[in-house]
Protein backbone atom coordinates (compact mmCIF):
# COMPACT_ATOMS: atom_id res chain seq x y z
CA MET A 1 -0.05 -0.15 0.00
CA PHE A 2 2.99 2.34 1.01
CA LYS A 3 4.72 1.33 -2.22
CA GLU A 4 1.98 2.38 -4.56
CA LEU A 5 1.25 5.61 -2.53
CA LYS A 6 4.75 6.38 -2.81
CA TYR A 7 5.17 5.88 -6.71
CA LEU A 8 1.87 7.95 -7.01
CA ILE A 9 3.44 11.10 -5.15
CA PHE A 10 6.53 10.66 -7.19
CA GLY A 11 4.63 10.65 -10.45
CA LEU A 12 2.37 13.62 -9.28
CA VAL A 13 5.60 15.67 -8.50
CA ILE A 14 7.25 14.89 -11.78
CA CYS A 15 4.01 15.60 -13.72
CA LEU A 16 3.47 18.81 -11.70
CA PHE A 17 7.28 19.88 -12.39
CA PHE A 18 6.95 19.51 -16.16
CA PHE A 19 3.50 21.24 -15.98
CA PHE A 20 4.95 24.40 -14.26
CA ILE A 21 8.13 24.39 -16.32
CA GLY A 22 6.19 24.34 -19.59
CA ARG A 23 3.74 27.01 -18.20
CA TYR A 24 6.67 29.32 -17.41
CA TYR A 25 8.48 28.52 -20.60
CA PHE A 26 5.83 29.28 -22.98
CA SER A 27 4.16 32.55 -20.77
CA ASP A 28 4.37 35.88 -22.19
CA LEU A 29 6.44 37.46 -19.55
CA ASN A 30 9.23 34.86 -20.51
CA LYS A 31 9.05 35.62 -24.19
CA LYS A 32 9.14 39.30 -23.44
CA ASN A 33 12.03 39.08 -21.22
CA SER A 34 14.11 36.94 -23.69
CA TYR A 35 13.42 39.25 -26.38
CA ARG A 36 14.50 42.35 -24.41
CA SER A 37 17.75 40.49 -23.35
CA LEU A 38 18.57 39.78 -27.12
CA ASN A 39 18.00 43.24 -28.05
CA ASN A 40 20.27 44.35 -25.20
CA ILE A 41 23.11 41.93 -26.39
CA ASP A 42 22.89 43.44 -30.06
CA LYS A 43 23.35 46.93 -28.65
CA LYS A 44 26.22 46.24 -26.51
CA ILE A 45 27.74 44.39 -29.58
CA TYR A 46 27.17 47.20 -31.53
CA ILE A 47 28.61 49.86 -29.09
CA TYR A 48 31.76 47.50 -28.38
CA ALA A 49 32.37 47.11 -32.22
CA GLU A 50 32.36 51.10 -32.51
CA LYS A 51 35.12 51.43 -29.97
CA LEU A 52 37.42 49.09 -31.66
CA PRO A 53 40.46 50.49 -33.19
CA VAL A 54 41.24 49.89 -36.83
CA LEU A 55 44.73 48.51 -37.46
CA GLU A 56 46.76 49.27 -40.58
CA ASP A 57 47.55 46.77 -43.13
CA ASP A 58 51.23 46.01 -42.88
CA THR A 59 51.16 42.91 -45.23
CA LYS A 60 52.18 44.55 -48.57
CA ASP A 61 54.94 43.03 -50.21
CA ILE A 62 55.67 40.47 -48.01
CA ILE A 63 55.98 37.72 -50.05
CA GLU A 64 59.15 37.26 -52.34
CA TYR A 65 58.81 35.13 -55.23
CA VAL A 66 61.90 32.85 -55.96
CA GLU A 67 62.36 31.89 -59.55
CA GLN A 68 62.83 28.04 -59.74
CA SER A 69 64.85 26.73 -62.65
CA ASN A 70 64.33 23.18 -64.04
CA SER A 71 67.57 22.80 -65.48
CA LYS A 72 68.77 21.33 -62.33
CA LYS A 73 68.56 17.42 -62.53
CA LYS A 74 66.57 16.26 -59.33
CA LYS A 75 67.46 12.67 -58.28
CA LYS A 76 64.35 10.44 -57.87
CA PHE A 77 63.97 8.19 -55.09
CA ASN A 78 62.33 5.05 -55.03
CA PHE A 79 61.01 3.86 -51.64
CA TRP A 80 61.88 0.28 -52.03
CA LYS A 81 65.25 0.89 -53.55
CA LEU A 82 66.04 2.93 -50.38
CA LEU A 83 65.40 0.04 -48.22
CA GLU A 84 67.31 -2.32 -50.04
CA THR A 85 70.62 -0.28 -50.17
CA ASN A 86 70.36 0.25 -46.48
CA ASP A 87 70.55 -3.29 -45.53
């Protein structure tokens, strides 16, 4: 008898918990407060972005191009031949 009563109370508490959470989450007050907080965050970001300093571009002519000639004969290595010669 007490076991069934205990399960009934636990079930009732869990159902009431979800009911009140859903009721608060879908209320107009919560929607209004969340909308206001989103607007405040956007305003703060805009104000902060206006105060940021703009840095000058110092990356002009930083890359030096080197001419490579194909006249040099490159030695081609074969992986298996390298293993055989190291024995």
